[in-house]
Amino acid sequence: MAQKAQAKGTKNWSARVTRESDALDLEAGVFTWKNPARIAQSLKYSADVSQRRKAPPYRSAMSMLVFYINRAGRNLDDEQKHILEQAKTELRKLYGKG
């Protein structure tokens, strides 16, 4: 019984991290958008204006995007995963990283 309570409490930890990140204040639903450039621009803005991040803005933005892709796992449909992978490319361009 204790394991069920513990599992329930930790089951949605990644959603909580995405929602309540100490590093970035994200726009609502940013990872559900269909435009990779818009996703990248939003992440860049959030990272650039954040006063709480511990890493450089590019790293914070990319880390949040990769974290979301990894944590969504098999619940992320192929189309949205492709859009988010394109957003990584767009984010690199915005920061002059490739």
C-alpha atoms as a PDB file:
ATOM      1  CA  MET A   1       0.000   0.000   0.000  1.00  0.00           C
ATOM      2  CA  ALA A   2       2.844   2.424   0.808  1.00  0.00           C
ATOM      3  CA  GLN A   3       4.342   1.750  -2.625  1.00  0.00           C
ATOM      4  CA  LYS A   4       1.080   2.745  -4.327  1.00  0.00           C
ATOM      5  CA  ALA A   5       0.981   6.052  -2.469  1.00  0.00           C
ATOM      6  CA  GLN A   6       4.615   6.731  -3.277  1.00  0.00           C
ATOM      7  CA  ALA A   7       4.173   5.798  -6.932  1.00  0.00           C
ATOM      8  CA  LYS A   8       1.115   8.020  -7.260  1.00  0.00           C
ATOM      9  CA  GLY A   9       2.973  10.980  -5.763  1.00  0.00           C
ATOM     10  CA  THR A  10       5.934  10.642  -8.095  1.00  0.00           C
ATOM     11  CA  LYS A  11       4.073   9.516 -11.205  1.00  0.00           C
ATOM     12  CA  ASN A  12       3.653  12.986 -12.662  1.00  0.00           C
ATOM     13  CA  TRP A  13       6.902  14.543 -11.492  1.00  0.00           C
ATOM     14  CA  SER A  14       7.989  15.428 -15.035  1.00  0.00           C
ATOM     15  CA  ALA A  15       4.753  17.333 -15.681  1.00  0.00           C
ATOM     16  CA  ARG A  16       5.362  19.244 -12.463  1.00  0.00           C
ATOM     17  CA  VAL A  17       8.931  20.077 -13.510  1.00  0.00           C
ATOM     18  CA  THR A  18       7.737  21.347 -16.890  1.00  0.00           C
ATOM     19  CA  ARG A  19       4.994  23.398 -15.242  1.00  0.00           C
ATOM     20  CA  GLU A  20       6.964  24.720 -12.261  1.00  0.00           C
ATOM     21  CA  SER A  21      10.515  24.953 -13.543  1.00  0.00           C
ATOM     22  CA  ASP A  22      12.804  27.033 -11.359  1.00  0.00           C
ATOM     23  CA  ALA A  23      14.762  28.080 -14.430  1.00  0.00           C
ATOM     24  CA  LEU A  24      12.191  29.133 -17.002  1.00  0.00           C
ATOM     25  CA  ASP A  25       8.672  30.523 -17.073  1.00  0.00           C
ATOM     26  CA  LEU A  26       7.203  28.840 -20.137  1.00  0.00           C
ATOM     27  CA  GLU A  27       4.210  29.973 -22.144  1.00  0.00           C
ATOM     28  CA  ALA A  28       1.195  27.736 -21.592  1.00  0.00           C
ATOM     29  CA  GLY A  29       1.096  24.828 -24.027  1.00  0.00           C
ATOM     30  CA  VAL A  30       4.376  25.726 -25.730  1.00  0.00           C
ATOM     31  CA  PHE A  31       5.228  22.077 -26.394  1.00  0.00           C
ATOM     32  CA  THR A  32       1.859  21.422 -28.073  1.00  0.00           C
ATOM     33  CA  TRP A  33       2.222  24.134 -30.707  1.00  0.00           C
ATOM     34  CA  LYS A  34       2.526  23.080 -34.356  1.00  0.00           C
ATOM     35  CA  ASN A  35       5.082  25.720 -35.437  1.00  0.00           C
ATOM     36  CA  PRO A  36       8.706  24.773 -34.580  1.00  0.00           C
ATOM     37  CA  ALA A  37       9.989  28.333 -35.092  1.00  0.00           C
ATOM     38  CA  ARG A  38       7.378  29.702 -32.688  1.00  0.00           C
ATOM     39  CA  ILE A  39       8.289  27.067 -30.083  1.00  0.00           C
ATOM     40  CA  ALA A  40      11.980  27.953 -30.420  1.00  0.00           C
ATOM     41  CA  GLN A  41      11.299  31.697 -30.191  1.00  0.00           C
ATOM     42  CA  SER A  42       9.213  31.209 -27.060  1.00  0.00           C
ATOM     43  CA  LEU A  43      11.874  29.054 -25.401  1.00  0.00           C
ATOM     44  CA  LYS A  44      14.570  31.560 -26.343  1.00  0.00           C
ATOM     45  CA  TYR A  45      12.581  34.445 -24.907  1.00  0.00           C
ATOM     46  CA  SER A  46      11.883  32.515 -21.680  1.00  0.00           C
ATOM     47  CA  ALA A  47      15.554  31.610 -21.286  1.00  0.00           C
ATOM     48  CA  ASP A  48      16.835  35.084 -22.143  1.00  0.00           C
ATOM     49  CA  VAL A  49      14.626  36.889 -19.617  1.00  0.00           C
ATOM     50  CA  SER A  50      14.924  34.355 -16.792  1.00  0.00           C
ATOM     51  CA  GLN A  51      16.731  35.594 -13.704  1.00  0.00           C
ATOM     52  CA  ARG A  52      16.642  32.159 -12.058  1.00  0.00           C
ATOM     53  CA  ARG A  53      18.437  29.943 -14.546  1.00  0.00           C
ATOM     54  CA  LYS A  54      21.787  28.484 -13.549  1.00  0.00           C
ATOM     55  CA  ALA A  55      23.100  27.784 -17.063  1.00  0.00           C
ATOM     56  CA  PRO A  56      23.503  30.058 -20.099  1.00  0.00           C
ATOM     57  CA  PRO A  57      20.239  30.830 -21.930  1.00  0.00           C
ATOM     58  CA  TYR A  58      20.857  28.485 -24.883  1.00  0.00           C
ATOM     59  CA  ARG A  59      21.607  25.561 -22.619  1.00  0.00           C
ATOM     60  CA  SER A  60      18.560  26.233 -20.432  1.00  0.00           C
ATOM     61  CA  ALA A  61      16.215  26.464 -23.410  1.00  0.00           C
ATOM     62  CA  MET A  62      17.603  23.367 -25.123  1.00  0.00           C
ATOM     63  CA  SER A  63      17.605  21.410 -21.869  1.00  0.00           C
ATOM     64  CA  MET A  64      13.929  22.150 -21.270  1.00  0.00           C
ATOM     65  CA  LEU A  65      13.041  21.092 -24.823  1.00  0.00           C
ATOM     66  CA  VAL A  66      15.053  17.868 -24.644  1.00  0.00           C
ATOM     67  CA  PHE A  67      13.657  17.142 -21.177  1.00  0.00           C
ATOM     68  CA  TYR A  68      10.112  17.433 -22.486  1.00  0.00           C
ATOM     69  CA  ILE A  69      10.796  15.218 -25.518  1.00  0.00           C
ATOM     70  CA  ASN A  70      12.438  12.558 -23.353  1.00  0.00           C
ATOM     71  CA  ARG A  71       9.801  12.597 -20.616  1.00  0.00           C
ATOM     72  CA  ALA A  72       6.831  12.569 -23.000  1.00  0.00           C
ATOM     73  CA  GLY A  73       8.225   9.357 -24.470  1.00  0.00           C
ATOM     74  CA  ARG A  74       5.682   7.088 -26.089  1.00  0.00           C
ATOM     75  CA  ASN A  75       2.835   9.454 -25.178  1.00  0.00           C
ATOM     76  CA  LEU A  76       4.184  11.917 -27.741  1.00  0.00           C
ATOM     77  CA  ASP A  77       2.723  11.289 -31.194  1.00  0.00           C
ATOM     78  CA  ASP A  78       5.105  11.074 -34.149  1.00  0.00           C
ATOM     79  CA  GLU A  79       3.947  14.357 -35.682  1.00  0.00           C
ATOM     80  CA  GLN A  80       4.508  16.365 -32.502  1.00  0.00           C
ATOM     81  CA  LYS A  81       7.849  14.671 -31.856  1.00  0.00           C
ATOM     82  CA  HIS A  82       8.952  15.680 -35.356  1.00  0.00           C
ATOM     83  CA  ILE A  83       7.831  19.273 -34.704  1.00  0.00           C
ATOM     84  CA  LEU A  84       9.770  19.359 -31.429  1.00  0.00           C
ATOM     85  CA  GLU A  85      12.873  17.943 -33.123  1.00  0.00           C
ATOM     86  CA  GLN A  86      12.564  20.722 -35.716  1.00  0.00           C
ATOM     87  CA  ALA A  87      12.251  23.211 -32.841  1.00  0.00           C
ATOM     88  CA  LYS A  88      15.677  22.059 -31.638  1.00  0.00           C
ATOM     89  CA  THR A  89      17.123  22.984 -35.042  1.00  0.00           C
ATOM     90  CA  GLU A  90      15.343  26.352 -34.934  1.00  0.00           C
ATOM     91  CA  LEU A  91      16.649  27.013 -31.429  1.00  0.00           C
ATOM     92  CA  ARG A  92      20.212  26.309 -32.579  1.00  0.00           C
ATOM     93  CA  LYS A  93      19.744  28.815 -35.414  1.00  0.00           C
ATOM     94  CA  LEU A  94      18.365  31.485 -33.076  1.00  0.00           C
ATOM     95  CA  TYR A  95      21.428  31.174 -30.855  1.00  0.00           C
ATOM     96  CA  GLY A  96      23.865  30.908 -33.765  1.00  0.00           C
ATOM     97  CA  LYS A  97      24.870  27.367 -32.839  1.00  0.00           C
ATOM     98  CA  GLY A  98      24.502  25.693 -36.190  1.00  0.00           C
END
